[in-house]
C-alpha atoms as a PDB file:
ATOM      1  CA  UNK A   1     -20.324 -73.624 115.354  1.00  0.00           C
ATOM      2  CA  UNK A   2     -18.636 -72.765 118.679  1.00  0.00           C
ATOM      3  CA  UNK A   3     -17.835 -75.263 121.434  1.00  0.00           C
ATOM      4  CA  UNK A   4     -20.570 -75.592 123.973  1.00  0.00           C
ATOM      5  CA  UNK A   5     -21.416 -74.937 127.643  1.00  0.00           C
ATOM      6  CA  UNK A   6     -24.960 -75.074 129.079  1.00  0.00           C
ATOM      7  CA  UNK A   7     -27.002 -71.893 129.647  1.00  0.00           C
ATOM      8  CA  UNK A   8     -30.547 -73.286 129.986  1.00  0.00           C
ATOM      9  CA  UNK A   9     -32.198 -76.672 129.628  1.00  0.00           C
ATOM     10  CA  UNK A  10     -33.235 -75.909 126.061  1.00  0.00           C
ATOM     11  CA  UNK A  11     -30.245 -73.889 124.929  1.00  0.00           C
ATOM     12  CA  UNK A  12     -27.295 -75.712 123.481  1.00  0.00           C
ATOM     13  CA  UNK A  13     -24.023 -74.753 125.003  1.00  0.00           C
ATOM     14  CA  UNK A  14     -21.568 -72.116 123.783  1.00  0.00           C
ATOM     15  CA  UNK A  15     -18.152 -70.599 124.370  1.00  0.00           C
ATOM     16  CA  UNK A  16     -18.431 -67.819 126.994  1.00  0.00           C
ATOM     17  CA  UNK A  17     -17.468 -64.377 125.753  1.00  0.00           C
ATOM     18  CA  UNK A  18     -14.109 -63.176 127.023  1.00  0.00           C
ATOM     19  CA  UNK A  19     -14.155 -59.418 127.494  1.00  0.00           C
ATOM     20  CA  UNK A  20     -10.971 -57.533 126.752  1.00  0.00           C
ATOM     21  CA  UNK A  21      -9.851 -54.832 129.160  1.00  0.00           C
ATOM     22  CA  UNK A  22     -11.376 -51.483 128.190  1.00  0.00           C
ATOM     23  CA  UNK A  23     -13.674 -53.068 125.616  1.00  0.00           C
ATOM     24  CA  UNK A  24     -16.846 -51.107 124.857  1.00  0.00           C
ATOM     25  CA  UNK A  25     -20.015 -52.759 126.191  1.00  0.00           C
ATOM     26  CA  UNK A  26     -22.260 -54.265 123.494  1.00  0.00           C
ATOM     27  CA  UNK A  27     -19.828 -53.713 120.669  1.00  0.00           C
ATOM     28  CA  UNK A  28     -20.302 -55.557 117.357  1.00  0.00           C
ATOM     29  CA  UNK A  29     -18.414 -58.678 118.553  1.00  0.00           C
ATOM     30  CA  UNK A  30     -20.588 -58.957 121.647  1.00  0.00           C
ATOM     31  CA  UNK A  31     -23.803 -58.374 119.703  1.00  0.00           C
ATOM     32  CA  UNK A  32     -22.786 -61.053 117.204  1.00  0.00           C
ATOM     33  CA  UNK A  33     -21.981 -63.430 120.077  1.00  0.00           C
ATOM     34  CA  UNK A  34     -25.492 -63.039 121.471  1.00  0.00           C
ATOM     35  CA  UNK A  35     -27.116 -63.108 118.037  1.00  0.00           C
ATOM     36  CA  UNK A  36     -25.521 -66.529 117.448  1.00  0.00           C
ATOM     37  CA  UNK A  37     -26.642 -67.807 120.869  1.00  0.00           C
ATOM     38  CA  UNK A  38     -30.215 -66.658 120.206  1.00  0.00           C
ATOM     39  CA  UNK A  39     -30.319 -68.032 116.654  1.00  0.00           C
ATOM     40  CA  UNK A  40     -28.969 -71.385 117.839  1.00  0.00           C
ATOM     41  CA  UNK A  41     -31.554 -71.494 120.638  1.00  0.00           C
ATOM     42  CA  UNK A  42     -34.364 -70.616 118.234  1.00  0.00           C
ATOM     43  CA  UNK A  43     -33.235 -73.307 115.763  1.00  0.00           C
ATOM     44  CA  UNK A  44     -33.219 -75.893 118.542  1.00  0.00           C
ATOM     45  CA  UNK A  45     -36.742 -74.903 119.600  1.00  0.00           C
ATOM     46  CA  UNK A  46     -37.963 -75.089 116.001  1.00  0.00           C
ATOM     47  CA  UNK A  47     -36.506 -78.609 115.706  1.00  0.00           C
ATOM     48  CA  UNK A  48     -38.505 -79.579 118.804  1.00  0.00           C
ATOM     49  CA  UNK A  49     -41.677 -78.269 117.169  1.00  0.00           C
ATOM     50  CA  UNK A  50     -40.984 -80.370 114.087  1.00  0.00           C
ATOM     51  CA  UNK A  51     -40.296 -83.446 116.227  1.00  0.00           C
ATOM     52  CA  UNK A  52     -43.543 -82.965 118.130  1.00  0.00           C
ATOM     53  CA  UNK A  53     -45.597 -82.686 114.944  1.00  0.00           C
ATOM     54  CA  UNK A  54     -43.960 -85.824 113.538  1.00  0.00           C
ATOM     55  CA  UNK A  55     -44.388 -87.690 116.817  1.00  0.00           C
ATOM     56  CA  UNK A  56     -48.047 -86.793 117.112  1.00  0.00           C
ATOM     57  CA  UNK A  57     -48.723 -87.849 113.511  1.00  0.00           C
ATOM     58  CA  UNK A  58     -46.820 -91.111 113.901  1.00  0.00           C
ATOM     59  CA  UNK A  59     -48.195 -92.014 117.312  1.00  0.00           C
ATOM     60  CA  UNK A  60     -51.803 -90.909 116.828  1.00  0.00           C
ATOM     61  CA  UNK A  61     -53.981 -93.965 117.218  1.00  0.00           C
ATOM     62  CA  UNK A  62     -57.589 -94.570 118.039  1.00  0.00           C
ATOM     63  CA  UNK A  63     -57.167 -96.984 120.917  1.00  0.00           C
ATOM     64  CA  UNK A  64     -60.251 -99.063 121.678  1.00  0.00           C
ATOM     65  CA  UNK A  65     -59.375 -99.032 125.389  1.00  0.00           C
ATOM     66  CA  UNK A  66     -60.505 -95.730 126.956  1.00  0.00           C
ATOM     67  CA  UNK A  67     -57.603 -95.792 129.430  1.00  0.00           C
ATOM     68  CA  UNK A  68     -55.051 -96.095 126.605  1.00  0.00           C
ATOM     69  CA  UNK A  69     -56.784 -93.319 124.681  1.00  0.00           C
ATOM     70  CA  UNK A  70     -56.820 -91.081 127.773  1.00  0.00           C
ATOM     71  CA  UNK A  71     -53.122 -91.734 128.410  1.00  0.00           C
ATOM     72  CA  UNK A  72     -52.246 -90.763 124.844  1.00  0.00           C
ATOM     73  CA  UNK A  73     -54.415 -87.642 124.992  1.00  0.00           C
ATOM     74  CA  UNK A  74     -52.754 -86.589 128.248  1.00  0.00           C
ATOM     75  CA  UNK A  75     -49.300 -87.153 126.731  1.00  0.00           C
ATOM     76  CA  UNK A  76     -50.215 -85.072 123.681  1.00  0.00           C
ATOM     77  CA  UNK A  77     -51.713 -82.367 125.902  1.00  0.00           C
ATOM     78  CA  UNK A  78     -48.477 -82.085 127.891  1.00  0.00           C
ATOM     79  CA  UNK A  79     -46.437 -81.906 124.687  1.00  0.00           C
ATOM     80  CA  UNK A  80     -48.682 -79.204 123.276  1.00  0.00           C
ATOM     81  CA  UNK A  81     -48.432 -77.131 126.464  1.00  0.00           C
ATOM     82  CA  UNK A  82     -44.664 -77.402 126.330  1.00  0.00           C
ATOM     83  CA  UNK A  83     -44.640 -76.366 122.677  1.00  0.00           C
ATOM     84  CA  UNK A  84     -46.923 -73.416 123.486  1.00  0.00           C
ATOM     85  CA  UNK A  85     -44.427 -72.200 126.101  1.00  0.00           C
ATOM     86  CA  UNK A  86     -41.661 -72.660 123.539  1.00  0.00           C
ATOM     87  CA  UNK A  87     -43.700 -70.751 120.929  1.00  0.00           C
ATOM     88  CA  UNK A  88     -43.865 -67.827 123.371  1.00  0.00           C
ATOM     89  CA  UNK A  89     -40.132 -68.154 123.968  1.00  0.00           C
ATOM     90  CA  UNK A  90     -39.482 -68.055 120.204  1.00  0.00           C
ATOM     91  CA  UNK A  91     -41.429 -64.765 120.059  1.00  0.00           C
ATOM     92  CA  UNK A  92     -39.294 -63.443 122.909  1.00  0.00           C
ATOM     93  CA  UNK A  93     -36.127 -64.551 121.105  1.00  0.00           C
ATOM     94  CA  UNK A  94     -37.323 -62.756 117.952  1.00  0.00           C
ATOM     95  CA  UNK A  95     -37.992 -59.554 119.895  1.00  0.00           C
ATOM     96  CA  UNK A  96     -34.557 -59.871 121.524  1.00  0.00           C
ATOM     97  CA  UNK A  97     -32.953 -60.239 118.084  1.00  0.00           C
ATOM     98  CA  UNK A  98     -34.762 -57.026 117.103  1.00  0.00           C
ATOM     99  CA  UNK A  99     -33.259 -55.305 120.152  1.00  0.00           C
ATOM    100  CA  UNK A 100     -29.801 -56.342 118.941  1.00  0.00           C
ATOM    101  CA  UNK A 101     -30.546 -54.953 115.468  1.00  0.00           C
ATOM    102  CA  UNK A 102     -31.779 -51.683 117.010  1.00  0.00           C
ATOM    103  CA  UNK A 103     -28.700 -51.408 119.302  1.00  0.00           C
ATOM    104  CA  UNK A 104     -30.916 -51.575 122.408  1.00  0.00           C
ATOM    105  CA  UNK A 105     -29.802 -55.019 123.580  1.00  0.00           C
ATOM    106  CA  UNK A 106     -28.020 -55.509 126.887  1.00  0.00           C
ATOM    107  CA  UNK A 107     -29.441 -52.505 128.720  1.00  0.00           C
ATOM    108  CA  UNK A 108     -32.006 -52.626 131.528  1.00  0.00           C
ATOM    109  CA  UNK A 109     -35.525 -51.605 130.472  1.00  0.00           C
ATOM    110  CA  UNK A 110     -36.109 -50.003 133.878  1.00  0.00           C
ATOM    111  CA  UNK A 111     -32.932 -48.131 134.782  1.00  0.00           C
ATOM    112  CA  UNK A 112     -30.887 -48.263 131.570  1.00  0.00           C
ATOM    113  CA  UNK A 113     -27.682 -49.692 133.071  1.00  0.00           C
ATOM    114  CA  UNK A 114     -25.706 -52.538 131.478  1.00  0.00           C
ATOM    115  CA  UNK A 115     -27.304 -55.898 132.190  1.00  0.00           C
ATOM    116  CA  UNK A 116     -23.899 -57.536 131.917  1.00  0.00           C
ATOM    117  CA  UNK A 117     -22.354 -60.211 129.700  1.00  0.00           C
ATOM    118  CA  UNK A 118     -22.511 -63.025 132.272  1.00  0.00           C
ATOM    119  CA  UNK A 119     -26.192 -62.399 133.083  1.00  0.00           C
ATOM    120  CA  UNK A 120     -27.058 -62.265 129.388  1.00  0.00           C
ATOM    121  CA  UNK A 121     -25.208 -65.511 128.775  1.00  0.00           C
ATOM    122  CA  UNK A 122     -27.216 -67.109 131.581  1.00  0.00           C
ATOM    123  CA  UNK A 123     -30.482 -65.608 130.268  1.00  0.00           C
ATOM    124  CA  UNK A 124     -30.026 -64.209 126.741  1.00  0.00           C
ATOM    125  CA  UNK A 125     -33.548 -62.728 126.684  1.00  0.00           C
ATOM    126  CA  UNK A 126     -33.104 -60.777 129.942  1.00  0.00           C
ATOM    127  CA  UNK A 127     -34.399 -57.212 129.799  1.00  0.00           C
ATOM    128  CA  UNK A 128     -33.722 -56.214 133.410  1.00  0.00           C
ATOM    129  CA  UNK A 129     -30.465 -55.868 135.329  1.00  0.00           C
ATOM    130  CA  UNK A 130     -30.153 -58.098 138.377  1.00  0.00           C
ATOM    131  CA  UNK A 131     -31.070 -55.279 140.793  1.00  0.00           C
ATOM    132  CA  UNK A 132     -34.275 -54.323 138.940  1.00  0.00           C
ATOM    133  CA  UNK A 133     -35.211 -57.977 138.501  1.00  0.00           C
ATOM    134  CA  UNK A 134     -34.753 -58.584 142.233  1.00  0.00           C
ATOM    135  CA  UNK A 135     -36.950 -55.584 143.061  1.00  0.00           C
ATOM    136  CA  UNK A 136     -39.529 -56.777 140.528  1.00  0.00           C
ATOM    137  CA  UNK A 137     -39.652 -60.215 142.188  1.00  0.00           C
ATOM    138  CA  UNK A 138     -39.944 -58.682 145.679  1.00  0.00           C
ATOM    139  CA  UNK A 139     -42.884 -56.510 144.523  1.00  0.00           C
ATOM    140  CA  UNK A 140     -44.507 -59.523 142.900  1.00  0.00           C
ATOM    141  CA  UNK A 141     -44.231 -61.551 146.125  1.00  0.00           C
ATOM    142  CA  UNK A 142     -45.670 -58.684 148.170  1.00  0.00           C
ATOM    143  CA  UNK A 143     -48.633 -58.322 145.813  1.00  0.00           C
ATOM    144  CA  UNK A 144     -49.383 -62.049 146.010  1.00  0.00           C
ATOM    145  CA  UNK A 145     -49.250 -61.948 149.776  1.00  0.00           C
END
């Protein structure tokens, strides 16, 4: 397993990819680099799911005090919401892995340009280049008012 450097709160760290001069974008080495990042991230998320299930089984108690029971239910509710967000992220990671397999990874869904190695290392599931993402966020803000 490679040395590590943080990319997101949930993603274990990694060794940044060092591009060689004239290297083709999204060649096999680069795709493998991102595949490993995504697989590592997915494994970490799956471990969290397992920990949550174990924690909820171990900690589940029928407290006689309504306040204690409410506190535990709120704690479990927060954990389950977090796991639901992570479940959605796992789906996104799986679809990103499919993009790698189909040789469509690393290119903007909107304009087709290279998303870029550094941006993908910061957000491995990115599907928009920074320019299209910025425009998308501006439109979103304008629609919300």
